[in-house]
Each structure stands twice: as structure tokens, then as C-alpha cells.
Amino acid sequence: MSLLVYLLPLALALGAAWVAVFLWCMRKGQFDDPAGAATRILQDDPPADEIR
């Protein structure tokens, strides 16, 4: 039973830390365009002449 005294606050702290990191990622725009990054790798780069 004394182990529960340590594990319950630890679980709550880890859950709160996960929520804080998730909210931080949402504010920074990490999840704005998940499909765009997946298809961007498939697009060809323009030739070097067109870059300049």
C-alpha cells in the first residue's frame, strides 16, 4: 500500500508533463499540416537554373 503513495503522484506528474508537451507542440504548429510533409518528399526539386 505504501508503494501506491509513490506511484500515484508519479503517474499524475507524468500525465501532466505529457499534456504540457502536447499543448506546447500544438502552439508551435507541429500538427498544422501532417499530410503536406508526407507528400512534399515525393515532389521533384526544381532544376538549379530555376532556383536563381
PDB file of N, CA and C in Angstrom:
ATOM      1  N   MET A   1       0.820  -1.190   0.000  1.00  0.00           N
ATOM      2  CA  MET A   1       0.000   0.000   0.000  1.00  0.00           C
ATOM      3  C   MET A   1       0.866   1.257   0.000  1.00  0.00           C
ATOM      4  N   SER A   2       2.037   1.186   0.622  1.00  0.00           N
ATOM      5  CA  SER A   2       2.892   2.374   0.662  1.00  0.00           C
ATOM      6  C   SER A   2       3.481   2.678  -0.717  1.00  0.00           C
ATOM      7  N   LEU A   3       3.546   1.660  -1.572  1.00  0.00           N
ATOM      8  CA  LEU A   3       4.031   1.882  -2.927  1.00  0.00           C
ATOM      9  C   LEU A   3       3.065   2.766  -3.719  1.00  0.00           C
ATOM     10  N   LEU A   4       1.801   2.652  -3.415  1.00  0.00           N
ATOM     11  CA  LEU A   4       0.791   3.468  -4.075  1.00  0.00           C
ATOM     12  C   LEU A   4       0.985   4.950  -3.782  1.00  0.00           C
ATOM     13  N   VAL A   5       1.508   5.264  -2.633  1.00  0.00           N
ATOM     14  CA  VAL A   5       1.763   6.660  -2.254  1.00  0.00           C
ATOM     15  C   VAL A   5       2.802   7.280  -3.187  1.00  0.00           C
ATOM     16  N   TYR A   6       3.720   6.483  -3.701  1.00  0.00           N
ATOM     17  CA  TYR A   6       4.748   6.982  -4.618  1.00  0.00           C
ATOM     18  C   TYR A   6       4.297   6.919  -6.083  1.00  0.00           C
ATOM     19  N   LEU A   7       3.589   5.858  -6.429  1.00  0.00           N
ATOM     20  CA  LEU A   7       3.223   5.662  -7.821  1.00  0.00           C
ATOM     21  C   LEU A   7       2.107   6.581  -8.298  1.00  0.00           C
ATOM     22  N   LEU A   8       1.157   6.893  -7.462  1.00  0.00           N
ATOM     23  CA  LEU A   8       0.055   7.755  -7.865  1.00  0.00           C
ATOM     24  C   LEU A   8       0.532   9.168  -8.205  1.00  0.00           C
ATOM     25  N   PRO A   9       1.305   9.835  -7.352  1.00  0.00           N
ATOM     26  CA  PRO A   9       1.810  11.166  -7.746  1.00  0.00           C
ATOM     27  C   PRO A   9       2.733  11.116  -8.963  1.00  0.00           C
ATOM     28  N   LEU A  10       3.512  10.037  -9.088  1.00  0.00           N
ATOM     29  CA  LEU A  10       4.382   9.892 -10.248  1.00  0.00           C
ATOM     30  C   LEU A  10       3.556   9.785 -11.529  1.00  0.00           C
ATOM     31  N   ALA A  11       2.505   8.994 -11.499  1.00  0.00           N
ATOM     32  CA  ALA A  11       1.642   8.853 -12.674  1.00  0.00           C
ATOM     33  C   ALA A  11       0.954  10.166 -13.010  1.00  0.00           C
ATOM     34  N   LEU A  12       0.500  10.892 -12.015  1.00  0.00           N
ATOM     35  CA  LEU A  12      -0.140  12.183 -12.256  1.00  0.00           C
ATOM     36  C   LEU A  12       0.850  13.198 -12.809  1.00  0.00           C
ATOM     37  N   ALA A  13       2.069  13.185 -12.304  1.00  0.00           N
ATOM     38  CA  ALA A  13       3.094  14.107 -12.805  1.00  0.00           C
ATOM     39  C   ALA A  13       3.466  13.791 -14.247  1.00  0.00           C
ATOM     40  N   LEU A  14       3.611  12.507 -14.579  1.00  0.00           N
ATOM     41  CA  LEU A  14       3.923  12.136 -15.959  1.00  0.00           C
ATOM     42  C   LEU A  14       2.779  12.488 -16.905  1.00  0.00           C
ATOM     43  N   GLY A  15       1.560  12.304 -16.462  1.00  0.00           N
ATOM     44  CA  GLY A  15       0.402  12.680 -17.282  1.00  0.00           C
ATOM     45  C   GLY A  15       0.337  14.182 -17.502  1.00  0.00           C
ATOM     46  N   ALA A  16       0.604  14.951 -16.473  1.00  0.00           N
ATOM     47  CA  ALA A  16       0.603  16.415 -16.605  1.00  0.00           C
ATOM     48  C   ALA A  16       1.738  16.880 -17.512  1.00  0.00           C
ATOM     49  N   ALA A  17       2.881  16.227 -17.427  1.00  0.00           N
ATOM     50  CA  ALA A  17       4.004  16.586 -18.299  1.00  0.00           C
ATOM     51  C   ALA A  17       3.662  16.278 -19.752  1.00  0.00           C
ATOM     52  N   TRP A  18       3.006  15.159 -20.025  1.00  0.00           N
ATOM     53  CA  TRP A  18       2.612  14.818 -21.381  1.00  0.00           C
ATOM     54  C   TRP A  18       1.637  15.844 -21.935  1.00  0.00           C
ATOM     55  N   VAL A  19       0.666  16.246 -21.133  1.00  0.00           N
ATOM     56  CA  VAL A  19      -0.309  17.251 -21.580  1.00  0.00           C
ATOM     57  C   VAL A  19       0.399  18.580 -21.852  1.00  0.00           C
ATOM     58  N   ALA A  20       1.351  18.958 -21.013  1.00  0.00           N
ATOM     59  CA  ALA A  20       2.080  20.209 -21.214  1.00  0.00           C
ATOM     60  C   ALA A  20       2.889  20.174 -22.505  1.00  0.00           C
ATOM     61  N   VAL A  21       3.557  19.064 -22.781  1.00  0.00           N
ATOM     62  CA  VAL A  21       4.342  18.941 -24.022  1.00  0.00           C
ATOM     63  C   VAL A  21       3.412  18.941 -25.227  1.00  0.00           C
ATOM     64  N   PHE A  22       2.281  18.273 -25.142  1.00  0.00           N
ATOM     65  CA  PHE A  22       1.326  18.247 -26.244  1.00  0.00           C
ATOM     66  C   PHE A  22       0.791  19.639 -26.539  1.00  0.00           C
ATOM     67  N   LEU A  23       0.440  20.387 -25.509  1.00  0.00           N
ATOM     68  CA  LEU A  23      -0.062  21.744 -25.722  1.00  0.00           C
ATOM     69  C   LEU A  23       1.019  22.653 -26.287  1.00  0.00           C
ATOM     70  N   TRP A  24       2.252  22.484 -25.844  1.00  0.00           N
ATOM     71  CA  TRP A  24       3.357  23.270 -26.383  1.00  0.00           C
ATOM     72  C   TRP A  24       3.533  22.980 -27.871  1.00  0.00           C
ATOM     73  N   CYS A  25       3.457  21.709 -28.254  1.00  0.00           N
ATOM     74  CA  CYS A  25       3.584  21.342 -29.670  1.00  0.00           C
ATOM     75  C   CYS A  25       2.430  21.908 -30.489  1.00  0.00           C
ATOM     76  N   MET A  26       1.241  21.930 -29.932  1.00  0.00           N
ATOM     77  CA  MET A  26       0.100  22.496 -30.643  1.00  0.00           C
ATOM     78  C   MET A  26       0.295  23.983 -30.883  1.00  0.00           C
ATOM     79  N   ARG A  27       0.802  24.698 -29.889  1.00  0.00           N
ATOM     80  CA  ARG A  27       1.023  26.147 -30.036  1.00  0.00           C
ATOM     81  C   ARG A  27       2.135  26.456 -31.027  1.00  0.00           C
ATOM     82  N   LYS A  28       3.117  25.586 -31.133  1.00  0.00           N
ATOM     83  CA  LYS A  28       4.237  25.799 -32.055  1.00  0.00           C
ATOM     84  C   LYS A  28       3.911  25.374 -33.484  1.00  0.00           C
ATOM     85  N   GLY A  29       2.737  24.781 -33.709  1.00  0.00           N
ATOM     86  CA  GLY A  29       2.319  24.418 -35.056  1.00  0.00           C
ATOM     87  C   GLY A  29       2.874  23.109 -35.557  1.00  0.00           C
ATOM     88  N   GLN A  30       3.188  22.185 -34.686  1.00  0.00           N
ATOM     89  CA  GLN A  30       3.753  20.912 -35.107  1.00  0.00           C
ATOM     90  C   GLN A  30       2.750  20.041 -35.856  1.00  0.00           C
ATOM     91  N   PHE A  31       1.459  20.262 -35.647  1.00  0.00           N
ATOM     92  CA  PHE A  31       0.440  19.408 -36.238  1.00  0.00           C
ATOM     93  C   PHE A  31      -0.410  20.152 -37.256  1.00  0.00           C
ATOM     94  N   ASP A  32       0.096  21.243 -37.814  1.00  0.00           N
ATOM     95  CA  ASP A  32      -0.699  22.045 -38.731  1.00  0.00           C
ATOM     96  C   ASP A  32      -0.969  21.333 -40.055  1.00  0.00           C
ATOM     97  N   ASP A  33       0.043  20.717 -40.650  1.00  0.00           N
ATOM     98  CA  ASP A  33      -0.114  20.113 -41.961  1.00  0.00           C
ATOM     99  C   ASP A  33       0.584  18.753 -42.016  1.00  0.00           C
ATOM    100  N   PRO A  34       0.023  17.723 -41.401  1.00  0.00           N
ATOM    101  CA  PRO A  34       0.701  16.426 -41.407  1.00  0.00           C
ATOM    102  C   PRO A  34       0.725  15.773 -42.794  1.00  0.00           C
ATOM    103  N   ALA A  35      -0.268  16.023 -43.630  1.00  0.00           N
ATOM    104  CA  ALA A  35      -0.293  15.404 -44.959  1.00  0.00           C
ATOM    105  C   ALA A  35       0.682  16.101 -45.901  1.00  0.00           C
ATOM    106  N   GLY A  36       0.918  17.379 -45.709  1.00  0.00           N
ATOM    107  CA  GLY A  36       1.816  18.123 -46.584  1.00  0.00           C
ATOM    108  C   GLY A  36       3.246  17.641 -46.495  1.00  0.00           C
ATOM    109  N   ALA A  37       3.707  17.346 -45.309  1.00  0.00           N
ATOM    110  CA  ALA A  37       5.080  16.874 -45.143  1.00  0.00           C
ATOM    111  C   ALA A  37       5.260  15.488 -45.751  1.00  0.00           C
ATOM    112  N   ALA A  38       4.224  14.688 -45.728  1.00  0.00           N
ATOM    113  CA  ALA A  38       4.324  13.339 -46.293  1.00  0.00           C
ATOM    114  C   ALA A  38       4.397  13.375 -47.812  1.00  0.00           C
ATOM    115  N   THR A  39       3.733  14.331 -48.445  1.00  0.00           N
ATOM    116  CA  THR A  39       3.763  14.402 -49.907  1.00  0.00           C
ATOM    117  C   THR A  39       4.881  15.299 -50.420  1.00  0.00           C
ATOM    118  N   ARG A  40       5.407  16.164 -49.602  1.00  0.00           N
ATOM    119  CA  ARG A  40       6.468  17.070 -50.032  1.00  0.00           C
ATOM    120  C   ARG A  40       7.736  16.312 -50.420  1.00  0.00           C
ATOM    121  N   ILE A  41       7.986  15.189 -49.784  1.00  0.00           N
ATOM    122  CA  ILE A  41       9.182  14.407 -50.089  1.00  0.00           C
ATOM    123  C   ILE A  41       9.084  13.780 -51.482  1.00  0.00           C
ATOM    124  N   LEU A  42       7.872  13.615 -52.002  1.00  0.00           N
ATOM    125  CA  LEU A  42       7.686  12.990 -53.307  1.00  0.00           C
ATOM    126  C   LEU A  42       7.825  13.974 -54.468  1.00  0.00           C
ATOM    127  N   GLN A  43       7.804  15.265 -54.198  1.00  0.00           N
ATOM    128  CA  GLN A  43       7.891  16.265 -55.256  1.00  0.00           C
ATOM    129  C   GLN A  43       9.335  16.440 -55.699  1.00  0.00           C
ATOM    130  N   ASP A  44       9.506  16.660 -57.009  1.00  0.00           N
ATOM    131  CA  ASP A  44      10.837  16.880 -57.557  1.00  0.00           C
ATOM    132  C   ASP A  44      11.323  18.286 -57.226  1.00  0.00           C
ATOM    133  N   ASP A  45      12.620  18.409 -57.024  1.00  0.00           N
ATOM    134  CA  ASP A  45      13.219  19.726 -56.836  1.00  0.00           C
ATOM    135  C   ASP A  45      13.326  20.429 -58.183  1.00  0.00           C
ATOM    136  N   PRO A  46      13.201  21.749 -58.197  1.00  0.00           N
ATOM    137  CA  PRO A  46      13.376  22.455 -59.468  1.00  0.00           C
ATOM    138  C   PRO A  46      14.845  22.382 -59.904  1.00  0.00           C
ATOM    139  N   PRO A  47      15.088  22.461 -61.203  1.00  0.00           N
ATOM    140  CA  PRO A  47      16.485  22.454 -61.668  1.00  0.00           C
ATOM    141  C   PRO A  47      17.252  23.643 -61.092  1.00  0.00           C
ATOM    142  N   ALA A  48      18.548  23.524 -61.058  1.00  0.00           N
ATOM    143  CA  ALA A  48      19.398  24.577 -60.466  1.00  0.00           C
ATOM    144  C   ALA A  48      19.250  25.895 -61.215  1.00  0.00           C
ATOM    145  N   ASP A  49      18.915  25.869 -62.501  1.00  0.00           N
ATOM    146  CA  ASP A  49      18.760  27.092 -63.270  1.00  0.00           C
ATOM    147  C   ASP A  49      17.565  27.911 -62.796  1.00  0.00           C
ATOM    148  N   GLU A  50      16.499  27.242 -62.356  1.00  0.00           N
ATOM    149  CA  GLU A  50      15.289  27.937 -61.942  1.00  0.00           C
ATOM    150  C   GLU A  50      15.376  28.480 -60.527  1.00  0.00           C
ATOM    151  N   ILE A  51      16.316  28.039 -59.751  1.00  0.00           N
ATOM    152  CA  ILE A  51      16.434  28.478 -58.358  1.00  0.00           C
ATOM    153  C   ILE A  51      16.882  29.934 -58.309  1.00  0.00           C
ATOM    154  N   ARG A  52      17.769  30.328 -59.192  1.00  0.00           N
ATOM    155  CA  ARG A  52      18.300  31.690 -59.162  1.00  0.00           C
ATOM    156  C   ARG A  52      17.396  32.660 -59.768  1.00  0.00           C
TER     157      ARG A  52
END
